[in-house]
Amino acid sequence: MTTENSNNHRHPEYRLYHVLGQGESSIWTAIGAAWPHRDQQGFAISLSMVPLNGRIVMRAISEGNGGPQ
């Protein structure tokens, strides 16, 4: 079995955040990253933690964005 993704040599394109709360009082914590598969049919996801509450938000990483907008 082969995998579509070789993350070891590419930078992630998306960052994953655990978000608690709503609006401007919400707390965003970076918890992982995601890479699209070469066939664009899915993602490889790497998590440093799995939250039990709140929500997970995936945001595109762009030059100069150090966090959620």
Protein backbone atom coordinates (compact mmCIF):
# COMPACT_ATOMS: atom_id res chain seq x y z
CA MET A 1 0.00 0.00 0.00
CA THR A 2 1.32 3.43 -0.88
CA THR A 3 0.29 6.78 0.47
CA GLU A 4 -0.47 9.86 -1.57
CA ASN A 5 1.32 12.19 0.79
CA SER A 6 4.99 12.59 1.69
CA ASN A 7 4.87 15.27 4.40
CA ASN A 8 8.53 14.95 5.36
CA HIS A 9 9.68 17.25 2.54
CA ARG A 10 6.82 19.72 2.26
CA HIS A 11 5.56 22.50 4.49
CA PRO A 12 1.95 22.26 5.68
CA GLU A 13 -0.60 24.40 3.83
CA TYR A 14 -3.13 24.57 6.68
CA ARG A 15 -2.94 25.05 10.42
CA LEU A 16 -5.46 23.47 12.79
CA TYR A 17 -6.73 25.33 15.84
CA HIS A 18 -8.77 24.31 18.87
CA VAL A 19 -11.27 27.15 19.43
CA LEU A 20 -13.15 27.75 22.66
CA GLY A 21 -15.85 30.42 22.90
CA GLN A 22 -17.35 32.76 20.34
CA GLY A 23 -16.42 36.09 18.78
CA GLU A 24 -13.60 38.26 20.01
CA SER A 25 -13.48 36.52 23.39
CA SER A 26 -12.71 33.12 21.82
CA ILE A 27 -9.42 31.38 22.57
CA TRP A 28 -7.49 29.90 19.62
CA THR A 29 -4.77 27.30 20.29
CA ALA A 30 -2.69 25.83 17.46
CA ILE A 31 -2.96 22.03 17.66
CA GLY A 32 -1.70 20.73 14.32
CA ALA A 33 -1.28 21.04 10.58
CA ALA A 34 -2.70 19.63 7.35
CA TRP A 35 -1.34 18.87 3.90
CA PRO A 36 -3.57 18.26 0.85
CA HIS A 37 -3.07 14.97 -0.96
CA ARG A 38 -1.52 15.30 -4.39
CA ASP A 39 -4.78 14.15 -6.00
CA GLN A 40 -6.64 16.92 -4.08
CA GLN A 41 -9.14 14.34 -2.74
CA GLY A 42 -8.27 14.65 0.95
CA PHE A 43 -5.79 15.77 3.59
CA ALA A 44 -3.07 14.30 5.77
CA ILE A 45 -3.49 15.71 9.28
CA SER A 46 -0.96 15.81 12.09
CA LEU A 47 -2.26 16.72 15.57
CA SER A 48 -0.27 17.52 18.70
CA MET A 49 -3.44 17.20 20.82
CA VAL A 50 -7.06 16.16 20.43
CA PRO A 51 -9.55 18.51 22.12
CA LEU A 52 -12.53 17.08 24.00
CA ASN A 53 -14.66 20.20 23.70
CA GLY A 54 -14.92 23.32 21.58
CA ARG A 55 -14.29 23.03 17.85
CA ILE A 56 -11.43 22.48 15.42
CA VAL A 57 -10.87 25.13 12.74
CA MET A 58 -8.58 24.62 9.73
CA ARG A 59 -7.12 27.82 8.25
CA ALA A 60 -4.86 28.26 5.23
CA ILE A 61 -1.33 29.30 6.11
CA SER A 62 -0.23 32.36 4.17
CA GLU A 63 2.91 34.40 4.38
CA GLY A 64 2.69 36.75 7.32
CA ASN A 65 -0.38 35.26 9.00
CA GLY A 66 0.85 34.17 12.37
CA GLY A 67 -2.57 33.18 13.65
CA PRO A 68 -6.28 33.35 13.17
CA GLN A 69 -7.80 36.39 11.49
